Amino acid sequence: MIFTVQIKVMPLKDLLDPQGKAVMGGLQNLGLNNVTDVRIGKHIDLQIDAETKETAQSIAEDAAKKLLANPVMEVYEITVN
């Protein structure tokens, strides 16, 4: 069975997010002063061929830990559909 997996990777909250700060400055320059914070991350979609949803979850966990996210600087969240 083919499962669609979304992985959201975001910088740790304690770390400076230079891209987010740059976008925040741009939004303020455009007069969008109601935005109080911006964090920039990655959204990754995977199509995984697995027997069960749990197996697809496990494969996605391996991919995130080994390649898609840097655990020193980022956290990730996996959703399997």
PDB file of N, CA and C in Angstrom:
ATOM      1  N   MET A   1       0.851  -1.176   0.000  1.00  0.00           N
ATOM      2  CA  MET A   1       0.000   0.000   0.000  1.00  0.00           C
ATOM      3  C   MET A   1       0.899   1.242   0.000  1.00  0.00           C
ATOM      4  N   ILE A   2       0.465   2.247  -0.732  1.00  0.00           N
ATOM      5  CA  ILE A   2       1.222   3.496  -0.810  1.00  0.00           C
ATOM      6  C   ILE A   2       0.654   4.484   0.214  1.00  0.00           C
ATOM      7  N   PHE A   3       1.534   4.997   1.071  1.00  0.00           N
ATOM      8  CA  PHE A   3       1.153   6.000   2.069  1.00  0.00           C
ATOM      9  C   PHE A   3       1.787   7.336   1.695  1.00  0.00           C
ATOM     10  N   THR A   4       1.033   8.396   1.879  1.00  0.00           N
ATOM     11  CA  THR A   4       1.567   9.745   1.704  1.00  0.00           C
ATOM     12  C   THR A   4       1.991  10.238   3.080  1.00  0.00           C
ATOM     13  N   VAL A   5       3.243  10.638   3.164  1.00  0.00           N
ATOM     14  CA  VAL A   5       3.810  11.077   4.441  1.00  0.00           C
ATOM     15  C   VAL A   5       4.280  12.509   4.299  1.00  0.00           C
ATOM     16  N   GLN A   6       3.885  13.345   5.245  1.00  0.00           N
ATOM     17  CA  GLN A   6       4.378  14.720   5.292  1.00  0.00           C
ATOM     18  C   GLN A   6       5.321  14.845   6.490  1.00  0.00           C
ATOM     19  N   ILE A   7       6.453  15.458   6.229  1.00  0.00           N
ATOM     20  CA  ILE A   7       7.422  15.726   7.291  1.00  0.00           C
ATOM     21  C   ILE A   7       7.631  17.232   7.352  1.00  0.00           C
ATOM     22  N   LYS A   8       7.360  17.804   8.510  1.00  0.00           N
ATOM     23  CA  LYS A   8       7.572  19.238   8.732  1.00  0.00           C
ATOM     24  C   LYS A   8       8.833  19.372   9.583  1.00  0.00           C
ATOM     25  N   VAL A   9       9.815  20.093   9.067  1.00  0.00           N
ATOM     26  CA  VAL A   9      11.082  20.306   9.758  1.00  0.00           C
ATOM     27  C   VAL A   9      11.181  21.789  10.086  1.00  0.00           C
ATOM     28  N   MET A  10      11.400  22.087  11.377  1.00  0.00           N
ATOM     29  CA  MET A  10      11.491  23.478  11.823  1.00  0.00           C
ATOM     30  C   MET A  10      12.741  23.669  12.678  1.00  0.00           C
ATOM     31  N   PRO A  11      13.310  24.877  12.665  1.00  0.00           N
ATOM     32  CA  PRO A  11      14.449  25.132  13.548  1.00  0.00           C
ATOM     33  C   PRO A  11      14.006  25.079  15.012  1.00  0.00           C
ATOM     34  N   LEU A  12      14.906  24.670  15.882  1.00  0.00           N
ATOM     35  CA  LEU A  12      14.607  24.662  17.310  1.00  0.00           C
ATOM     36  C   LEU A  12      14.215  26.067  17.756  1.00  0.00           C
ATOM     37  N   LYS A  13      13.280  26.154  18.670  1.00  0.00           N
ATOM     38  CA  LYS A  13      12.790  27.460  19.126  1.00  0.00           C
ATOM     39  C   LYS A  13      13.888  28.304  19.770  1.00  0.00           C
ATOM     40  N   ASP A  14      14.882  27.660  20.369  1.00  0.00           N
ATOM     41  CA  ASP A  14      15.952  28.390  21.055  1.00  0.00           C
ATOM     42  C   ASP A  14      17.009  28.950  20.103  1.00  0.00           C
ATOM     43  N   LEU A  15      16.974  28.529  18.842  1.00  0.00           N
ATOM     44  CA  LEU A  15      17.988  28.969  17.885  1.00  0.00           C
ATOM     45  C   LEU A  15      17.497  30.145  17.054  1.00  0.00           C
ATOM     46  N   LEU A  16      18.422  31.016  16.692  1.00  0.00           N
ATOM     47  CA  LEU A  16      18.128  32.125  15.806  1.00  0.00           C
ATOM     48  C   LEU A  16      17.759  31.582  14.429  1.00  0.00           C
ATOM     49  N   ASP A  17      16.740  32.145  13.823  1.00  0.00           N
ATOM     50  CA  ASP A  17      16.300  31.761  12.482  1.00  0.00           C
ATOM     51  C   ASP A  17      16.540  32.941  11.546  1.00  0.00           C
ATOM     52  N   PRO A  18      17.718  33.004  10.891  1.00  0.00           N
ATOM     53  CA  PRO A  18      18.045  34.160  10.050  1.00  0.00           C
ATOM     54  C   PRO A  18      17.047  34.373   8.911  1.00  0.00           C
ATOM     55  N   GLN A  19      16.557  33.294   8.289  1.00  0.00           N
ATOM     56  CA  GLN A  19      15.577  33.450   7.217  1.00  0.00           C
ATOM     57  C   GLN A  19      14.282  34.054   7.767  1.00  0.00           C
ATOM     58  N   GLY A  20      13.865  33.557   8.911  1.00  0.00           N
ATOM     59  CA  GLY A  20      12.664  34.083   9.543  1.00  0.00           C
ATOM     60  C   GLY A  20      12.806  35.556   9.875  1.00  0.00           C
ATOM     61  N   LYS A  21      13.967  35.943  10.398  1.00  0.00           N
ATOM     62  CA  LYS A  21      14.205  37.353  10.738  1.00  0.00           C
ATOM     63  C   LYS A  21      14.179  38.229   9.488  1.00  0.00           C
ATOM     64  N   ALA A  22      14.755  37.733   8.380  1.00  0.00           N
ATOM     65  CA  ALA A  22      14.756  38.493   7.131  1.00  0.00           C
ATOM     66  C   ALA A  22      13.327  38.685   6.613  1.00  0.00           C
ATOM     67  N   VAL A  23      12.524  37.618   6.660  1.00  0.00           N
ATOM     68  CA  VAL A  23      11.132  37.722   6.215  1.00  0.00           C
ATOM     69  C   VAL A  23      10.358  38.659   7.136  1.00  0.00           C
ATOM     70  N   MET A  24      10.624  38.573   8.426  1.00  0.00           N
ATOM     71  CA  MET A  24       9.961  39.452   9.392  1.00  0.00           C
ATOM     72  C   MET A  24      10.242  40.918   9.054  1.00  0.00           C
ATOM     73  N   GLY A  25      11.502  41.224   8.758  1.00  0.00           N
ATOM     74  CA  GLY A  25      11.859  42.593   8.367  1.00  0.00           C
ATOM     75  C   GLY A  25      11.149  43.027   7.104  1.00  0.00           C
ATOM     76  N   GLY A  26      11.049  42.130   6.127  1.00  0.00           N
ATOM     77  CA  GLY A  26      10.341  42.446   4.882  1.00  0.00           C
ATOM     78  C   GLY A  26       8.870  42.705   5.114  1.00  0.00           C
ATOM     79  N   LEU A  27       8.250  41.893   5.962  1.00  0.00           N
ATOM     80  CA  LEU A  27       6.829  42.097   6.269  1.00  0.00           C
ATOM     81  C   LEU A  27       6.600  43.438   6.961  1.00  0.00           C
ATOM     82  N   GLN A  28       7.489  43.800   7.875  1.00  0.00           N
ATOM     83  CA  GLN A  28       7.371  45.089   8.554  1.00  0.00           C
ATOM     84  C   GLN A  28       7.553  46.240   7.567  1.00  0.00           C
ATOM     85  N   ASN A  29       8.485  46.078   6.621  1.00  0.00           N
ATOM     86  CA  ASN A  29       8.685  47.106   5.592  1.00  0.00           C
ATOM     87  C   ASN A  29       7.445  47.282   4.717  1.00  0.00           C
ATOM     88  N   LEU A  30       6.657  46.213   4.578  1.00  0.00           N
ATOM     89  CA  LEU A  30       5.427  46.282   3.794  1.00  0.00           C
ATOM     90  C   LEU A  30       4.246  46.798   4.612  1.00  0.00           C
ATOM     91  N   GLY A  31       4.507  47.114   5.869  1.00  0.00           N
ATOM     92  CA  GLY A  31       3.448  47.626   6.720  1.00  0.00           C
ATOM     93  C   GLY A  31       2.614  46.552   7.402  1.00  0.00           C
ATOM     94  N   LEU A  32       3.054  45.320   7.345  1.00  0.00           N
ATOM     95  CA  LEU A  32       2.330  44.215   7.975  1.00  0.00           C
ATOM     96  C   LEU A  32       2.850  44.033   9.399  1.00  0.00           C
ATOM     97  N   ASN A  33       2.538  44.982  10.248  1.00  0.00           N
ATOM     98  CA  ASN A  33       3.095  45.036  11.598  1.00  0.00           C
ATOM     99  C   ASN A  33       2.382  44.125  12.592  1.00  0.00           C
ATOM    100  N   ASN A  34       1.290  43.499  12.200  1.00  0.00           N
ATOM    101  CA  ASN A  34       0.587  42.583  13.100  1.00  0.00           C
ATOM    102  C   ASN A  34       1.284  41.233  13.215  1.00  0.00           C
ATOM    103  N   VAL A  35       2.195  40.919  12.314  1.00  0.00           N
ATOM    104  CA  VAL A  35       2.950  39.666  12.388  1.00  0.00           C
ATOM    105  C   VAL A  35       4.012  39.843  13.459  1.00  0.00           C
ATOM    106  N   THR A  36       4.003  38.967  14.469  1.00  0.00           N
ATOM    107  CA  THR A  36       4.914  39.135  15.597  1.00  0.00           C
ATOM    108  C   THR A  36       6.130  38.212  15.553  1.00  0.00           C
ATOM    109  N   ASP A  37       6.091  37.148  14.726  1.00  0.00           N
ATOM    110  CA  ASP A  37       7.247  36.260  14.621  1.00  0.00           C
ATOM    111  C   ASP A  37       7.130  35.441  13.347  1.00  0.00           C
ATOM    112  N   VAL A  38       8.263  35.090  12.769  1.00  0.00           N
ATOM    113  CA  VAL A  38       8.313  34.253  11.568  1.00  0.00           C
ATOM    114  C   VAL A  38       9.391  33.200  11.776  1.00  0.00           C
ATOM    115  N   ARG A  39       9.043  31.948  11.518  1.00  0.00           N
ATOM    116  CA  ARG A  39      10.005  30.848  11.534  1.00  0.00           C
ATOM    117  C   ARG A  39       9.904  30.161  10.171  1.00  0.00           C
ATOM    118  N   ILE A  40      11.024  29.923   9.540  1.00  0.00           N
ATOM    119  CA  ILE A  40      11.064  29.293   8.226  1.00  0.00           C
ATOM    120  C   ILE A  40      11.554  27.851   8.394  1.00  0.00           C
ATOM    121  N   GLY A  41      10.830  26.918   7.805  1.00  0.00           N
ATOM    122  CA  GLY A  41      11.206  25.504   7.879  1.00  0.00           C
ATOM    123  C   GLY A  41      11.078  24.844   6.519  1.00  0.00           C
ATOM    124  N   LYS A  42      10.956  23.521   6.552  1.00  0.00           N
ATOM    125  CA  LYS A  42      10.828  22.736   5.323  1.00  0.00           C
ATOM    126  C   LYS A  42       9.595  21.846   5.434  1.00  0.00           C
ATOM    127  N   HIS A  43       8.931  21.652   4.312  1.00  0.00           N
ATOM    128  CA  HIS A  43       7.824  20.706   4.225  1.00  0.00           C
ATOM    129  C   HIS A  43       8.227  19.670   3.179  1.00  0.00           C
ATOM    130  N   ILE A  44       8.260  18.406   3.573  1.00  0.00           N
ATOM    131  CA  ILE A  44       8.707  17.337   2.687  1.00  0.00           C
ATOM    132  C   ILE A  44       7.588  16.315   2.559  1.00  0.00           C
ATOM    133  N   ASP A  45       7.213  15.965   1.326  1.00  0.00           N
ATOM    134  CA  ASP A  45       6.227  14.922   1.069  1.00  0.00           C
ATOM    135  C   ASP A  45       6.944  13.678   0.552  1.00  0.00           C
ATOM    136  N   LEU A  46       6.614  12.545   1.133  1.00  0.00           N
ATOM    137  CA  LEU A  46       7.157  11.261   0.687  1.00  0.00           C
ATOM    138  C   LEU A  46       6.005  10.340   0.313  1.00  0.00           C
ATOM    139  N   GLN A  47       6.193   9.540  -0.707  1.00  0.00           N
ATOM    140  CA  GLN A  47       5.288   8.445  -1.036  1.00  0.00           C
ATOM    141  C   GLN A  47       6.019   7.173  -0.615  1.00  0.00           C
ATOM    142  N   ILE A  48       5.465   6.458   0.342  1.00  0.00           N
ATOM    143  CA  ILE A  48       6.141   5.281   0.902  1.00  0.00           C
ATOM    144  C   ILE A  48       5.291   4.040   0.653  1.00  0.00           C
ATOM    145  N   ASP A  49       5.901   3.028   0.055  1.00  0.00           N
ATOM    146  CA  ASP A  49       5.253   1.734  -0.172  1.00  0.00           C
ATOM    147  C   ASP A  49       5.550   0.863   1.041  1.00  0.00           C
ATOM    148  N   ALA A  50       4.520   0.598   1.845  1.00  0.00           N
ATOM    149  CA  ALA A  50       4.706  -0.175   3.071  1.00  0.00           C
ATOM    150  C   ALA A  50       3.470  -1.031   3.334  1.00  0.00           C
ATOM    151  N   GLU A  51       3.652  -2.063   4.136  1.00  0.00           N
ATOM    152  CA  GLU A  51       2.547  -2.964   4.480  1.00  0.00           C
ATOM    153  C   GLU A  51       1.518  -2.293   5.380  1.00  0.00           C
ATOM    154  N   THR A  52       2.004  -1.491   6.354  1.00  0.00           N
ATOM    155  CA  THR A  52       1.104  -0.866   7.330  1.00  0.00           C
ATOM    156  C   THR A  52       1.470   0.603   7.515  1.00  0.00           C
ATOM    157  N   LYS A  53       0.554   1.326   8.130  1.00  0.00           N
ATOM    158  CA  LYS A  53       0.794   2.730   8.456  1.00  0.00           C
ATOM    159  C   LYS A  53       1.968   2.858   9.426  1.00  0.00           C
ATOM    160  N   GLU A  54       2.078   1.929  10.356  1.00  0.00           N
ATOM    161  CA  GLU A  54       3.169   1.952  11.343  1.00  0.00           C
ATOM    162  C   GLU A  54       4.524   1.763  10.670  1.00  0.00           C
ATOM    163  N   THR A  55       4.568   0.883   9.666  1.00  0.00           N
ATOM    164  CA  THR A  55       5.818   0.670   8.925  1.00  0.00           C
ATOM    165  C   THR A  55       6.189   1.929   8.149  1.00  0.00           C
ATOM    166  N   ALA A  56       5.219   2.563   7.523  1.00  0.00           N
ATOM    167  CA  ALA A  56       5.479   3.819   6.802  1.00  0.00           C
ATOM    168  C   ALA A  56       5.992   4.880   7.765  1.00  0.00           C
ATOM    169  N   GLN A  57       5.395   4.946   8.955  1.00  0.00           N
ATOM    170  CA  GLN A  57       5.844   5.887   9.988  1.00  0.00           C
ATOM    171  C   GLN A  57       7.301   5.620  10.354  1.00  0.00           C
ATOM    172  N   SER A  58       7.633   4.355  10.534  1.00  0.00           N
ATOM    173  CA  SER A  58       9.004   3.972  10.905  1.00  0.00           C
ATOM    174  C   SER A  58      10.006   4.343   9.810  1.00  0.00           C
ATOM    175  N   ILE A  59       9.635   4.115   8.565  1.00  0.00           N
ATOM    176  CA  ILE A  59      10.515   4.469   7.440  1.00  0.00           C
ATOM    177  C   ILE A  59      10.720   5.982   7.390  1.00  0.00           C
ATOM    178  N   ALA A  60       9.645   6.732   7.591  1.00  0.00           N
ATOM    179  CA  ALA A  60       9.742   8.194   7.596  1.00  0.00           C
ATOM    180  C   ALA A  60      10.610   8.682   8.748  1.00  0.00           C
ATOM    181  N   GLU A  61      10.476   8.043   9.923  1.00  0.00           N
ATOM    182  CA  GLU A  61      11.332   8.384  11.077  1.00  0.00           C
ATOM    183  C   GLU A  61      12.802   8.188  10.726  1.00  0.00           C
ATOM    184  N   ASP A  62      13.125   7.049  10.103  1.00  0.00           N
ATOM    185  CA  ASP A  62      14.508   6.788   9.695  1.00  0.00           C
ATOM    186  C   ASP A  62      15.007   7.858   8.737  1.00  0.00           C
ATOM    187  N   ALA A  63      14.172   8.206   7.754  1.00  0.00           N
ATOM    188  CA  ALA A  63      14.565   9.216   6.765  1.00  0.00           C
ATOM    189  C   ALA A  63      14.814  10.557   7.436  1.00  0.00           C
ATOM    190  N   ALA A  64      13.930  10.931   8.349  1.00  0.00           N
ATOM    191  CA  ALA A  64      14.071  12.220   9.037  1.00  0.00           C
ATOM    192  C   ALA A  64      15.324  12.238   9.906  1.00  0.00           C
ATOM    193  N   LYS A  65      15.542  11.173  10.674  1.00  0.00           N
ATOM    194  CA  LYS A  65      16.701  11.118  11.573  1.00  0.00           C
ATOM    195  C   LYS A  65      18.024  11.076  10.824  1.00  0.00           C
ATOM    196  N   LYS A  66      18.060  10.313   9.729  1.00  0.00           N
ATOM    197  CA  LYS A  66      19.322  10.080   9.027  1.00  0.00           C
ATOM    198  C   LYS A  66      19.660  11.123   7.970  1.00  0.00           C
ATOM    199  N   LEU A  67      18.635  11.816   7.431  1.00  0.00           N
ATOM    200  CA  LEU A  67      18.922  12.698   6.301  1.00  0.00           C
ATOM    201  C   LEU A  67      18.162  14.022   6.312  1.00  0.00           C
ATOM    202  N   LEU A  68      16.884  13.997   6.604  1.00  0.00           N
ATOM    203  CA  LEU A  68      16.041  15.168   6.348  1.00  0.00           C
ATOM    204  C   LEU A  68      16.107  16.256   7.408  1.00  0.00           C
ATOM    205  N   ALA A  69      16.457  15.899   8.637  1.00  0.00           N
ATOM    206  CA  ALA A  69      16.515  16.889   9.718  1.00  0.00           C
ATOM    207  C   ALA A  69      17.841  16.777  10.455  1.00  0.00           C
ATOM    208  N   ASN A  70      18.350  17.907  10.898  1.00  0.00           N
ATOM    209  CA  ASN A  70      19.555  17.944  11.716  1.00  0.00           C
ATOM    210  C   ASN A  70      19.109  18.061  13.175  1.00  0.00           C
ATOM    211  N   PRO A  71      19.227  16.979  13.965  1.00  0.00           N
ATOM    212  CA  PRO A  71      18.693  17.004  15.328  1.00  0.00           C
ATOM    213  C   PRO A  71      19.355  18.026  16.251  1.00  0.00           C
ATOM    214  N   VAL A  72      20.514  18.511  15.888  1.00  0.00           N
ATOM    215  CA  VAL A  72      21.195  19.526  16.693  1.00  0.00           C
ATOM    216  C   VAL A  72      20.497  20.882  16.546  1.00  0.00           C
ATOM    217  N   MET A  73      19.911  21.126  15.371  1.00  0.00           N
ATOM    218  CA  MET A  73      19.338  22.436  15.075  1.00  0.00           C
ATOM    219  C   MET A  73      17.848  22.410  14.752  1.00  0.00           C
ATOM    220  N   GLU A  74      17.278  21.232  14.499  1.00  0.00           N
ATOM    221  CA  GLU A  74      15.908  21.171  14.003  1.00  0.00           C
ATOM    222  C   GLU A  74      15.082  20.107  14.726  1.00  0.00           C
ATOM    223  N   VAL A  75      13.775  20.307  14.703  1.00  0.00           N
ATOM    224  CA  VAL A  75      12.826  19.297  15.149  1.00  0.00           C
ATOM    225  C   VAL A  75      11.949  18.941  13.952  1.00  0.00           C
ATOM    226  N   TYR A  76      11.350  17.759  13.993  1.00  0.00           N
ATOM    227  CA  TYR A  76      10.478  17.365  12.892  1.00  0.00           C
ATOM    228  C   TYR A  76       9.200  16.736  13.413  1.00  0.00           C
ATOM    229  N   GLU A  77       8.189  16.798  12.564  1.00  0.00           N
ATOM    230  CA  GLU A  77       6.875  16.229  12.864  1.00  0.00           C
ATOM    231  C   GLU A  77       6.427  15.445  11.638  1.00  0.00           C
ATOM    232  N   ILE A  78       5.980  14.214  11.855  1.00  0.00           N
ATOM    233  CA  ILE A  78       5.594  13.337  10.768  1.00  0.00           C
ATOM    234  C   ILE A  78       4.096  13.074  10.819  1.00  0.00           C
ATOM    235  N   THR A  79       3.448  13.168   9.642  1.00  0.00           N
ATOM    236  CA  THR A  79       2.043  12.827   9.507  1.00  0.00           C
ATOM    237  C   THR A  79       1.908  11.810   8.380  1.00  0.00           C
ATOM    238  N   VAL A  80       1.261  10.679   8.680  1.00  0.00           N
ATOM    239  CA  VAL A  80       1.061   9.620   7.681  1.00  0.00           C
ATOM    240  C   VAL A  80      -0.413   9.577   7.301  1.00  0.00           C
ATOM    241  N   ASN A  81      -0.696   9.639   5.996  1.00  0.00           N
ATOM    242  CA  ASN A  81      -2.080   9.542   5.489  1.00  0.00           C
ATOM    243  C   ASN A  81      -2.230   8.309   4.634  1.00  0.00           C
TER     244      ASN A  81
END
